[in-house]
Amino acid sequence: MNWHEIDEKLIRRGELILDPDLLEHHQEELEAANRRKVGRPYRIADSYIQLLSAVRYLYGMPYRQLEGFTRSLHTLVPALPTGDYSGYAS
């Protein structure tokens, strides 16, 4: 058995790959989604929702815990909004 290879596979299972495009292009994606939109504008981009869905699924987080995750992420990356259980993003 190649324990180094097995260890690497196990480590990679725990990795969450955060696409830098999400961080760099969140505002542009949001502006594109809101272009010509009628009604209340979107406040969270689809890619951010997908990231939060992946985090919730992979770590089995309840929604309120995910809200805390978005707050912490917002302190690290202020361009990303926080979210709350009701779906309102600030």
C-alpha atoms as a PDB file:
ATOM      1  CA  MET A   1       0.000   0.000   0.000  1.00  0.00           C
ATOM      2  CA  ASN A   2       1.161   3.481  -0.807  1.00  0.00           C
ATOM      3  CA  TRP A   3       0.237   5.336   2.395  1.00  0.00           C
ATOM      4  CA  HIS A   4       1.335   8.711   1.053  1.00  0.00           C
ATOM      5  CA  GLU A   5      -1.105   8.387  -1.856  1.00  0.00           C
ATOM      6  CA  ILE A   6      -3.910   7.211   0.444  1.00  0.00           C
ATOM      7  CA  ASP A   7      -3.242  10.114   2.823  1.00  0.00           C
ATOM      8  CA  GLU A   8      -3.366  12.604  -0.052  1.00  0.00           C
ATOM      9  CA  LYS A   9      -6.718  11.222  -1.235  1.00  0.00           C
ATOM     10  CA  LEU A  10      -8.153  11.565   2.255  1.00  0.00           C
ATOM     11  CA  ILE A  11      -6.813  15.095   2.591  1.00  0.00           C
ATOM     12  CA  ARG A  12      -8.290  16.122  -0.765  1.00  0.00           C
ATOM     13  CA  ARG A  13     -11.707  14.870   0.367  1.00  0.00           C
ATOM     14  CA  GLY A  14     -11.666  17.561   3.013  1.00  0.00           C
ATOM     15  CA  GLU A  15     -10.642  20.372   0.701  1.00  0.00           C
ATOM     16  CA  LEU A  16     -13.148  22.926  -0.376  1.00  0.00           C
ATOM     17  CA  ILE A  17     -11.967  24.559  -3.534  1.00  0.00           C
ATOM     18  CA  LEU A  18     -12.875  28.228  -3.525  1.00  0.00           C
ATOM     19  CA  ASP A  19     -12.797  29.601  -7.036  1.00  0.00           C
ATOM     20  CA  PRO A  20     -11.009  32.973  -6.985  1.00  0.00           C
ATOM     21  CA  ASP A  21     -13.376  34.159  -9.732  1.00  0.00           C
ATOM     22  CA  LEU A  22     -16.131  34.200  -7.118  1.00  0.00           C
ATOM     23  CA  LEU A  23     -14.159  36.658  -5.046  1.00  0.00           C
ATOM     24  CA  GLU A  24     -12.987  38.770  -7.958  1.00  0.00           C
ATOM     25  CA  HIS A  25     -16.169  38.897 -10.025  1.00  0.00           C
ATOM     26  CA  HIS A  26     -19.023  38.750  -7.527  1.00  0.00           C
ATOM     27  CA  GLN A  27     -20.114  42.331  -8.184  1.00  0.00           C
ATOM     28  CA  GLU A  28     -19.932  41.953 -11.971  1.00  0.00           C
ATOM     29  CA  GLU A  29     -22.007  38.760 -11.835  1.00  0.00           C
ATOM     30  CA  LEU A  30     -24.579  40.500  -9.673  1.00  0.00           C
ATOM     31  CA  GLU A  31     -24.773  43.498 -11.996  1.00  0.00           C
ATOM     32  CA  ALA A  32     -25.277  41.197 -14.995  1.00  0.00           C
ATOM     33  CA  ALA A  33     -28.073  39.320 -13.212  1.00  0.00           C
ATOM     34  CA  ASN A  34     -29.824  42.582 -12.325  1.00  0.00           C
ATOM     35  CA  ARG A  35     -29.496  44.131 -15.777  1.00  0.00           C
ATOM     36  CA  ARG A  36     -32.987  44.724 -17.170  1.00  0.00           C
ATOM     37  CA  LYS A  37     -34.517  42.952 -14.163  1.00  0.00           C
ATOM     38  CA  VAL A  38     -37.912  44.203 -13.062  1.00  0.00           C
ATOM     39  CA  GLY A  39     -38.589  44.339  -9.344  1.00  0.00           C
ATOM     40  CA  ARG A  40     -36.335  43.972  -6.344  1.00  0.00           C
ATOM     41  CA  PRO A  41     -32.697  43.445  -7.364  1.00  0.00           C
ATOM     42  CA  TYR A  42     -30.751  40.326  -6.519  1.00  0.00           C
ATOM     43  CA  ARG A  43     -28.279  40.801  -3.682  1.00  0.00           C
ATOM     44  CA  ILE A  44     -26.461  37.477  -3.850  1.00  0.00           C
ATOM     45  CA  ALA A  45     -24.862  36.099  -7.020  1.00  0.00           C
ATOM     46  CA  ASP A  46     -25.635  32.549  -8.165  1.00  0.00           C
ATOM     47  CA  SER A  47     -22.022  31.440  -7.753  1.00  0.00           C
ATOM     48  CA  TYR A  48     -22.064  32.542  -4.103  1.00  0.00           C
ATOM     49  CA  ILE A  49     -25.270  30.600  -3.507  1.00  0.00           C
ATOM     50  CA  GLN A  50     -23.655  27.548  -5.081  1.00  0.00           C
ATOM     51  CA  LEU A  51     -20.611  27.928  -2.823  1.00  0.00           C
ATOM     52  CA  LEU A  52     -22.799  28.176   0.279  1.00  0.00           C
ATOM     53  CA  SER A  53     -24.824  25.159  -0.856  1.00  0.00           C
ATOM     54  CA  ALA A  54     -21.633  23.143  -1.232  1.00  0.00           C
ATOM     55  CA  VAL A  55     -20.383  24.220   2.206  1.00  0.00           C
ATOM     56  CA  ARG A  56     -23.733  23.350   3.790  1.00  0.00           C
ATOM     57  CA  TYR A  57     -23.839  19.948   2.118  1.00  0.00           C
ATOM     58  CA  LEU A  58     -20.191  18.996   2.691  1.00  0.00           C
ATOM     59  CA  TYR A  59     -20.127  20.018   6.337  1.00  0.00           C
ATOM     60  CA  GLY A  60     -23.750  19.253   7.212  1.00  0.00           C
ATOM     61  CA  MET A  61     -24.295  22.784   8.498  1.00  0.00           C
ATOM     62  CA  PRO A  62     -27.716  23.917   9.644  1.00  0.00           C
ATOM     63  CA  TYR A  63     -28.862  27.178   8.066  1.00  0.00           C
ATOM     64  CA  ARG A  64     -28.150  29.289  11.138  1.00  0.00           C
ATOM     65  CA  GLN A  65     -24.600  27.961  11.317  1.00  0.00           C
ATOM     66  CA  LEU A  66     -24.225  28.761   7.615  1.00  0.00           C
ATOM     67  CA  GLU A  67     -25.323  32.304   8.445  1.00  0.00           C
ATOM     68  CA  GLY A  68     -22.383  32.523  10.863  1.00  0.00           C
ATOM     69  CA  PHE A  69     -20.118  31.187   8.125  1.00  0.00           C
ATOM     70  CA  THR A  70     -21.233  33.994   5.780  1.00  0.00           C
ATOM     71  CA  ARG A  71     -20.537  36.566   8.494  1.00  0.00           C
ATOM     72  CA  SER A  72     -17.006  35.243   8.968  1.00  0.00           C
ATOM     73  CA  LEU A  73     -16.438  35.065   5.232  1.00  0.00           C
ATOM     74  CA  HIS A  74     -17.660  38.657   4.910  1.00  0.00           C
ATOM     75  CA  THR A  75     -15.043  39.828   7.423  1.00  0.00           C
ATOM     76  CA  LEU A  76     -12.341  38.176   5.311  1.00  0.00           C
ATOM     77  CA  VAL A  77     -13.793  39.280   1.961  1.00  0.00           C
ATOM     78  CA  PRO A  78     -15.964  42.395   2.461  1.00  0.00           C
ATOM     79  CA  ALA A  79     -17.175  42.271  -1.149  1.00  0.00           C
ATOM     80  CA  LEU A  80     -19.166  39.122  -0.324  1.00  0.00           C
ATOM     81  CA  PRO A  81     -22.455  39.800   1.442  1.00  0.00           C
ATOM     82  CA  THR A  82     -23.587  38.248   4.668  1.00  0.00           C
ATOM     83  CA  GLY A  83     -26.853  36.378   4.583  1.00  0.00           C
ATOM     84  CA  ASP A  84     -29.457  35.441   7.111  1.00  0.00           C
ATOM     85  CA  TYR A  85     -31.889  32.600   7.450  1.00  0.00           C
ATOM     86  CA  SER A  86     -34.695  34.559   5.773  1.00  0.00           C
ATOM     87  CA  GLY A  87     -32.643  35.004   2.619  1.00  0.00           C
ATOM     88  CA  TYR A  88     -31.988  38.701   3.113  1.00  0.00           C
ATOM     89  CA  ALA A  89     -28.413  39.653   2.322  1.00  0.00           C
ATOM     90  CA  SER A  90     -26.762  42.695   3.780  1.00  0.00           C
END
